[in-house]
Structures are given as structure tokens and as C-alpha cells.
C-alpha atoms as a PDB file:
ATOM      1  CA  MET A   1       1.733  24.532  -5.579  1.00  0.00           C
ATOM      2  CA  ASN A   2       2.357  27.573  -8.143  1.00  0.00           C
ATOM      3  CA  ALA A   3       2.019  25.749 -11.973  1.00  0.00           C
ATOM      4  CA  GLU A   4       5.200  28.173 -12.357  1.00  0.00           C
ATOM      5  CA  LEU A   5       6.666  26.220 -10.365  1.00  0.00           C
ATOM      6  CA  ILE A   6       5.784  22.837 -11.877  1.00  0.00           C
ATOM      7  CA  ASP A   7       6.428  24.187 -15.334  1.00  0.00           C
ATOM      8  CA  GLN A   8      10.192  24.715 -14.471  1.00  0.00           C
ATOM      9  CA  LEU A   9      10.427  20.773 -14.210  1.00  0.00           C
ATOM     10  CA  GLY A  10       8.620  20.148 -17.497  1.00  0.00           C
ATOM     11  CA  ALA A  11      12.036  19.985 -19.241  1.00  0.00           C
ATOM     12  CA  LYS A  12      12.947  17.334 -16.898  1.00  0.00           C
ATOM     13  CA  LEU A  13      10.077  14.953 -16.843  1.00  0.00           C
ATOM     14  CA  GLY A  14       9.796  11.769 -18.735  1.00  0.00           C
ATOM     15  CA  ALA A  15       6.950  10.726 -21.055  1.00  0.00           C
ATOM     16  CA  ASN A  16       5.123   9.287 -17.575  1.00  0.00           C
ATOM     17  CA  GLY A  17       5.401  13.011 -16.362  1.00  0.00           C
ATOM     18  CA  LEU A  18       7.725  11.873 -13.132  1.00  0.00           C
ATOM     19  CA  PRO A  19      11.572  12.735 -13.220  1.00  0.00           C
ATOM     20  CA  TYR A  20      12.532   9.276 -13.386  1.00  0.00           C
ATOM     21  CA  THR A  21      11.178   6.242 -15.150  1.00  0.00           C
ATOM     22  CA  ILE A  22       9.318   4.029 -12.825  1.00  0.00           C
ATOM     23  CA  PRO A  23       6.794   5.507 -10.559  1.00  0.00           C
ATOM     24  CA  ILE A  24       8.229   4.722  -7.004  1.00  0.00           C
ATOM     25  CA  HIS A  25       4.987   4.824  -5.095  1.00  0.00           C
ATOM     26  CA  PRO A  26       2.931   2.250  -6.657  1.00  0.00           C
ATOM     27  CA  ASN A  27       6.021  -0.242  -5.773  1.00  0.00           C
ATOM     28  CA  LEU A  28       6.058   0.946  -2.360  1.00  0.00           C
ATOM     29  CA  VAL A  29       2.289   0.488  -2.057  1.00  0.00           C
ATOM     30  CA  HIS A  30       2.931  -3.064  -3.187  1.00  0.00           C
ATOM     31  CA  LEU A  31       5.435  -3.576   0.109  1.00  0.00           C
ATOM     32  CA  THR A  32       2.946  -1.528   2.202  1.00  0.00           C
ATOM     33  CA  LEU A  33       0.085  -4.210   1.602  1.00  0.00           C
ATOM     34  CA  GLY A  34       2.539  -7.708   1.652  1.00  0.00           C
ATOM     35  CA  LEU A  35       3.632  -6.375   4.897  1.00  0.00           C
ATOM     36  CA  PHE A  36       0.890  -5.666   6.625  1.00  0.00           C
ATOM     37  CA  ILE A  37      -1.295  -8.337   5.179  1.00  0.00           C
ATOM     38  CA  ILE A  38       1.348 -11.126   5.895  1.00  0.00           C
ATOM     39  CA  GLY A  39       1.591  -9.888  10.005  1.00  0.00           C
ATOM     40  CA  ILE A  40      -2.639  -9.817  10.213  1.00  0.00           C
ATOM     41  CA  LEU A  41      -2.287 -13.428   8.840  1.00  0.00           C
ATOM     42  CA  PHE A  42       0.951 -14.705  10.338  1.00  0.00           C
ATOM     43  CA  ASP A  43      -0.919 -13.389  13.717  1.00  0.00           C
ATOM     44  CA  ILE A  44      -4.252 -15.190  12.836  1.00  0.00           C
ATOM     45  CA  VAL A  45      -2.029 -18.646  12.089  1.00  0.00           C
ATOM     46  CA  GLY A  46      -0.593 -18.149  15.974  1.00  0.00           C
ATOM     47  CA  VAL A  47      -3.970 -17.489  17.265  1.00  0.00           C
ATOM     48  CA  PHE A  48      -5.283 -20.981  15.950  1.00  0.00           C
ATOM     49  CA  PHE A  49      -2.371 -22.665  16.246  1.00  0.00           C
ATOM     50  CA  PRO A  50      -3.538 -25.296  18.440  1.00  0.00           C
ATOM     51  CA  LEU A  51      -5.738 -26.335  16.161  1.00  0.00           C
ATOM     52  CA  HIS A  52      -3.608 -27.152  13.550  1.00  0.00           C
ATOM     53  CA  LYS A  53      -0.869 -28.610  15.530  1.00  0.00           C
ATOM     54  CA  PHE A  54      -1.090 -31.790  14.298  1.00  0.00           C
ATOM     55  CA  VAL A  55       0.072 -30.920  10.680  1.00  0.00           C
ATOM     56  CA  TYR A  56       3.131 -29.538  11.677  1.00  0.00           C
ATOM     57  CA  LYS A  57       4.117 -32.404  13.809  1.00  0.00           C
ATOM     58  CA  TYR A  58       2.843 -34.954  10.915  1.00  0.00           C
ATOM     59  CA  LEU A  59       5.250 -33.143   8.401  1.00  0.00           C
ATOM     60  CA  ALA A  60       7.734 -32.776  10.805  1.00  0.00           C
ATOM     61  CA  LEU A  61       8.321 -28.838  10.656  1.00  0.00           C
ATOM     62  CA  PRO A  62       9.729 -27.819  13.847  1.00  0.00           C
ATOM     63  CA  VAL A  63       7.459 -24.807  14.606  1.00  0.00           C
ATOM     64  CA  GLU A  64       6.578 -23.142  17.598  1.00  0.00           C
ATOM     65  CA  ARG A  65       3.251 -20.885  18.439  1.00  0.00           C
ATOM     66  CA  ALA A  66       5.424 -17.837  19.077  1.00  0.00           C
ATOM     67  CA  ASN A  67       7.424 -17.946  15.134  1.00  0.00           C
ATOM     68  CA  PHE A  68       4.174 -17.111  13.934  1.00  0.00           C
ATOM     69  CA  PHE A  69       3.387 -13.915  16.702  1.00  0.00           C
ATOM     70  CA  ASP A  70       7.456 -13.335  15.912  1.00  0.00           C
ATOM     71  CA  VAL A  71       6.594 -12.876  12.042  1.00  0.00           C
ATOM     72  CA  GLY A  72       3.302 -11.082  12.700  1.00  0.00           C
ATOM     73  CA  TRP A  73       5.472  -8.207  15.026  1.00  0.00           C
ATOM     74  CA  TYR A  74       8.063  -7.935  12.387  1.00  0.00           C
ATOM     75  CA  ASN A  75       5.947  -7.504   9.611  1.00  0.00           C
ATOM     76  CA  MET A  76       4.193  -4.931  11.036  1.00  0.00           C
ATOM     77  CA  LEU A  77       6.593  -2.621  12.221  1.00  0.00           C
ATOM     78  CA  ALA A  78       8.426  -2.972   8.695  1.00  0.00           C
ATOM     79  CA  SER A  79       4.891  -2.115   7.155  1.00  0.00           C
ATOM     80  CA  ALA A  80       4.678   0.907   9.417  1.00  0.00           C
ATOM     81  CA  ILE A  81       8.116   2.373   8.938  1.00  0.00           C
ATOM     82  CA  ILE A  82       7.553   1.808   5.137  1.00  0.00           C
ATOM     83  CA  THR A  83       4.470   3.471   5.039  1.00  0.00           C
ATOM     84  CA  PHE A  84       5.655   6.792   6.006  1.00  0.00           C
ATOM     85  CA  PHE A  85       7.421   6.550   2.169  1.00  0.00           C
ATOM     86  CA  THR A  86       4.875   5.383   0.306  1.00  0.00           C
ATOM     87  CA  VAL A  87       2.629   8.347   1.701  1.00  0.00           C
ATOM     88  CA  ALA A  88       5.867  10.659   1.080  1.00  0.00           C
ATOM     89  CA  ALA A  89       6.617   9.374  -2.649  1.00  0.00           C
ATOM     90  CA  GLY A  90       2.300   9.053  -3.154  1.00  0.00           C
ATOM     91  CA  PHE A  91       2.097  13.668  -2.262  1.00  0.00           C
ATOM     92  CA  TYR A  92       5.233  14.190  -4.149  1.00  0.00           C
ATOM     93  CA  GLU A  93       4.153  12.364  -7.467  1.00  0.00           C
ATOM     94  CA  ILE A  94       0.390  13.588  -7.264  1.00  0.00           C
ATOM     95  CA  MET A  95       1.930  17.099  -7.054  1.00  0.00           C
ATOM     96  CA  LEU A  96       2.977  16.391 -10.697  1.00  0.00           C
ATOM     97  CA  ALA A  97       0.175  14.315 -11.839  1.00  0.00           C
ATOM     98  CA  GLU A  98      -1.464  16.070 -15.199  1.00  0.00           C
ATOM     99  CA  ALA A  99      -4.879  14.550 -15.464  1.00  0.00           C
ATOM    100  CA  PRO A 100      -7.499  14.632 -18.085  1.00  0.00           C
ATOM    101  CA  VAL A 101     -10.752  16.790 -17.370  1.00  0.00           C
ATOM    102  CA  ASP A 102     -13.078  15.273 -19.121  1.00  0.00           C
ATOM    103  CA  VAL A 103     -13.244  11.673 -17.742  1.00  0.00           C
ATOM    104  CA  LYS A 104     -14.939  10.054 -14.845  1.00  0.00           C
ATOM    105  CA  SER A 105     -13.677   6.562 -13.253  1.00  0.00           C
ATOM    106  CA  ALA A 106     -15.708   3.876 -13.130  1.00  0.00           C
ATOM    107  CA  TRP A 107     -17.144   5.396  -9.644  1.00  0.00           C
ATOM    108  CA  GLY A 108     -18.130   8.226 -11.577  1.00  0.00           C
ATOM    109  CA  MET A 109     -15.574  10.537  -9.779  1.00  0.00           C
ATOM    110  CA  GLN A 110     -13.463  12.788 -11.526  1.00  0.00           C
ATOM    111  CA  ALA A 111      -9.313  12.888 -11.757  1.00  0.00           C
ATOM    112  CA  MET A 112      -9.629  15.716  -8.230  1.00  0.00           C
ATOM    113  CA  GLU A 113     -11.701  13.957  -6.972  1.00  0.00           C
ATOM    114  CA  THR A 114     -10.101  10.279  -6.900  1.00  0.00           C
ATOM    115  CA  MET A 115      -6.706  11.897  -6.132  1.00  0.00           C
ATOM    116  CA  LEU A 116      -7.994  14.082  -3.079  1.00  0.00           C
ATOM    117  CA  TRP A 117      -9.824  10.901  -1.763  1.00  0.00           C
ATOM    118  CA  HIS A 118      -6.791   8.703  -3.048  1.00  0.00           C
ATOM    119  CA  GLY A 119      -4.342  11.669  -0.989  1.00  0.00           C
ATOM    120  CA  VAL A 120      -6.673  11.495   2.417  1.00  0.00           C
ATOM    121  CA  GLY A 121      -7.201   7.698   2.360  1.00  0.00           C
ATOM    122  CA  GLY A 122      -3.407   7.769   2.460  1.00  0.00           C
ATOM    123  CA  VAL A 123      -2.906   9.508   5.364  1.00  0.00           C
ATOM    124  CA  LEU A 124      -5.490   7.799   6.926  1.00  0.00           C
ATOM    125  CA  LEU A 125      -4.349   4.573   6.374  1.00  0.00           C
ATOM    126  CA  LEU A 126      -0.668   5.481   7.546  1.00  0.00           C
ATOM    127  CA  ALA A 127      -2.143   6.620  11.101  1.00  0.00           C
ATOM    128  CA  LEU A 128      -4.239   3.560  11.002  1.00  0.00           C
ATOM    129  CA  ILE A 129      -1.052   1.177  10.319  1.00  0.00           C
ATOM    130  CA  VAL A 130       1.191   3.430  13.237  1.00  0.00           C
ATOM    131  CA  GLY A 131      -2.016   2.173  15.507  1.00  0.00           C
ATOM    132  CA  MET A 132      -2.324  -1.292  15.017  1.00  0.00           C
ATOM    133  CA  THR A 133       2.211  -1.003  15.571  1.00  0.00           C
ATOM    134  CA  ILE A 134       1.663   0.617  18.421  1.00  0.00           C
ATOM    135  CA  TRP A 135      -1.131  -1.818  19.326  1.00  0.00           C
ATOM    136  CA  ARG A 136       0.506  -4.672  18.363  1.00  0.00           C
ATOM    137  CA  GLY A 137       3.785  -3.548  20.707  1.00  0.00           C
ATOM    138  CA  PHE A 138       1.491  -2.867  23.687  1.00  0.00           C
ATOM    139  CA  GLN A 139       0.100  -6.775  23.553  1.00  0.00           C
ATOM    140  CA  ARG A 140       3.751  -7.992  22.461  1.00  0.00           C
ATOM    141  CA  PHE A 141       5.604  -6.418  25.363  1.00  0.00           C
ATOM    142  CA  ILE A 142       3.303  -5.482  28.195  1.00  0.00           C
ATOM    143  CA  TRP A 143      -0.131  -6.360  28.049  1.00  0.00           C
ATOM    144  CA  ARG A 144       0.275 -10.247  27.305  1.00  0.00           C
ATOM    145  CA  LYS A 145       3.851 -10.749  27.287  1.00  0.00           C
ATOM    146  CA  ASP A 146       3.474 -13.670  29.425  1.00  0.00           C
ATOM    147  CA  GLU A 147       0.062 -15.129  27.574  1.00  0.00           C
ATOM    148  CA  ASP A 148       1.047 -18.071  24.969  1.00  0.00           C
ATOM    149  CA  ARG A 149      -1.411 -16.143  22.689  1.00  0.00           C
ATOM    150  CA  GLN A 150      -0.391 -12.686  22.091  1.00  0.00           C
ATOM    151  CA  VAL A 151      -2.661 -11.023  20.301  1.00  0.00           C
ATOM    152  CA  GLN A 152      -6.082 -10.031  21.046  1.00  0.00           C
ATOM    153  CA  LEU A 153      -8.949 -10.907  18.451  1.00  0.00           C
ATOM    154  CA  SER A 154      -9.885  -7.164  18.495  1.00  0.00           C
ATOM    155  CA  TYR A 155      -6.712  -6.809  16.884  1.00  0.00           C
ATOM    156  CA  LEU A 156      -7.407  -9.502  14.364  1.00  0.00           C
ATOM    157  CA  ALA A 157     -10.593  -8.128  13.902  1.00  0.00           C
ATOM    158  CA  VAL A 158      -9.656  -4.411  13.263  1.00  0.00           C
ATOM    159  CA  GLY A 159      -6.853  -5.633  11.095  1.00  0.00           C
ATOM    160  CA  MET A 160      -9.205  -7.283   8.605  1.00  0.00           C
ATOM    161  CA  ALA A 161     -11.224  -4.201   8.335  1.00  0.00           C
ATOM    162  CA  ILE A 162      -8.194  -2.381   7.944  1.00  0.00           C
ATOM    163  CA  MET A 163      -7.376  -4.364   4.588  1.00  0.00           C
ATOM    164  CA  PHE A 164     -10.764  -4.075   3.353  1.00  0.00           C
ATOM    165  CA  VAL A 165      -9.998  -0.209   3.496  1.00  0.00           C
ATOM    166  CA  MET A 166      -7.352  -0.934   1.445  1.00  0.00           C
ATOM    167  CA  TYR A 167      -8.970  -2.537  -0.422  1.00  0.00           C
ATOM    168  CA  ILE A 168     -11.264   0.118  -1.462  1.00  0.00           C
ATOM    169  CA  HIS A 169      -8.009   2.783  -1.412  1.00  0.00           C
ATOM    170  CA  GLY A 170      -5.970   0.711  -3.713  1.00  0.00           C
ATOM    171  CA  THR A 171      -9.221   0.886  -6.120  1.00  0.00           C
ATOM    172  CA  LEU A 172      -8.847   4.888  -6.204  1.00  0.00           C
ATOM    173  CA  GLY A 173      -4.893   4.391  -6.791  1.00  0.00           C
ATOM    174  CA  ALA A 174      -5.730   1.560  -9.966  1.00  0.00           C
ATOM    175  CA  GLN A 175      -8.220   3.880 -11.275  1.00  0.00           C
ATOM    176  CA  MET A 176      -5.877   6.566 -11.539  1.00  0.00           C
ATOM    177  CA  ALA A 177      -3.503   4.792 -13.441  1.00  0.00           C
ATOM    178  CA  ALA A 178      -5.946   3.142 -15.738  1.00  0.00           C
ATOM    179  CA  GLU A 179      -8.529   5.403 -16.116  1.00  0.00           C
ATOM    180  CA  PHE A 180      -6.406   8.904 -16.231  1.00  0.00           C
ATOM    181  CA  GLY A 181      -3.645   7.721 -17.337  1.00  0.00           C
ATOM    182  CA  ILE A 182      -1.625   9.512 -14.362  1.00  0.00           C
ATOM    183  CA  HIS A 183       2.490   8.507 -14.435  1.00  0.00           C
ATOM    184  CA  ASN A 184       1.399   5.605 -16.595  1.00  0.00           C
ATOM    185  CA  THR A 185       4.314   5.852 -19.191  1.00  0.00           C
ATOM    186  CA  ALA A 186       1.928   3.821 -22.300  1.00  0.00           C
ATOM    187  CA  ASP A 187      -1.196   5.710 -21.757  1.00  0.00           C
ATOM    188  CA  GLN A 188       0.931   9.327 -22.086  1.00  0.00           C
ATOM    189  CA  LEU A 189       3.041   8.210 -24.888  1.00  0.00           C
ATOM    190  CA  LEU A 190      -0.583   7.806 -26.899  1.00  0.00           C
ATOM    191  CA  ARG A 191      -2.241  10.453 -26.004  1.00  0.00           C
ATOM    192  CA  VAL A 192       0.572  12.598 -27.659  1.00  0.00           C
ATOM    193  CA  GLY A 193       0.535  10.652 -30.611  1.00  0.00           C
ATOM    194  CA  GLN A 194       3.163   8.012 -30.194  1.00  0.00           C
ATOM    195  CA  ASP A 195       3.090   4.685 -31.841  1.00  0.00           C
ATOM    196  CA  LEU A 196       4.430   2.091 -29.240  1.00  0.00           C
ATOM    197  CA  ASN A 197       5.093  -0.719 -31.362  1.00  0.00           C
ATOM    198  CA  ALA A 198       7.957   1.809 -33.038  1.00  0.00           C
ATOM    199  CA  ILE A 199       9.157   2.841 -29.418  1.00  0.00           C
ATOM    200  CA  ILE A 200       9.561  -1.125 -28.479  1.00  0.00           C
ATOM    201  CA  LYS A 201      11.399  -2.039 -31.685  1.00  0.00           C
ATOM    202  CA  GLY A 202      13.475   0.522 -31.830  1.00  0.00           C
END
């Protein structure tokens, strides 16, 4: 984007470099992660339900196998929906990022490389999560709707692989905040020489 246009926002940006106090993207990221991971884990529990059915009976918990698959489906669907907002907020906030050019991350990358990989990874993860949701929907409503086990083992294996990609991708995001200070309020205040203790007390 044109640097002059970004400069027009300069007067309205806070200490974290954003026009609002708390960054939106990191908070939505945790919704995306939580919903996706819970969706896959509940489907795993549903698949192995017969192995631990006696535990629920012993604890007098009225649990049915279909309940686990319901949680898996609705969490995956919610993850796909929220991830559109997560990626949109991420691109908006990355557009306003000001990062040091003389710093390298623990992975040996500079800020721009890290932001580009994180942005591309976000779009890739959005596509993967939407694809998983469509795959999950076909299993639930068409392919396996009359079967006791609602999900395929290959679906769970791909879900676990995506969790690993999420870990790598999340590490890039953490490096942006911790190592480059992007939209990190405390880091930005320290860079301009302000005393954080005075701000907290005041």
C-alpha cells in the first residue's frame, strides 16, 4: 500500500501501531485453533468410543457415540467460519506493521520474510480448514450418515497433520510479536523510551 496513505492513519494509531487498543488477530487465532483442535479431538474420541465405553458406564455418564461426532462437526464448522475473520484481521494488521529491519528471528529470517510466510500460511490454513469442513460435511451427511463411525481414519490423520502446520505457523506469529515487536504495546513503548512502570502506576 502507498506509504502516504498509511501515514494518514499515523495520528490515529495507538502505541501498538493499531487504531484500537488490543490486536484482534491474535485473539481470533486462538478461536480458530481451539475450535479446530477440539473438533478433531472429539472425532478421535468418537472413533475410539467402544474402547472406553465402560468408563462412561462406570461413571454413570449418559454419553452416546453420536454426541462426540456432533461436537466434532460443529466445532469444525465454527472454525471454518471464524478463520475468514482471523485471516482478514491478520492482513489488516500486517498492513499497518512497522518492524525493525536489523533484527533476525530465531529461525534466521527478517521481519518481512516472517510476515510474508505468515500471511501465505494463513491463506493456506484457511483453505485447509474449509476443505476439512467440506470433507467432514460429506462424511456426516452423505458418505457415512448411516454408519456408527461417522469419520474416516484418513480424515483424522490429515487433521493431525494440519495441527502440526498450525504449530509451525503459530510460531511465526509469535516471532512477529516477541522478536520483532509487531503490534506489541510494551515493546513499542520501550522503543520510544517510555517508562512502563510509570505508565502502569499512572
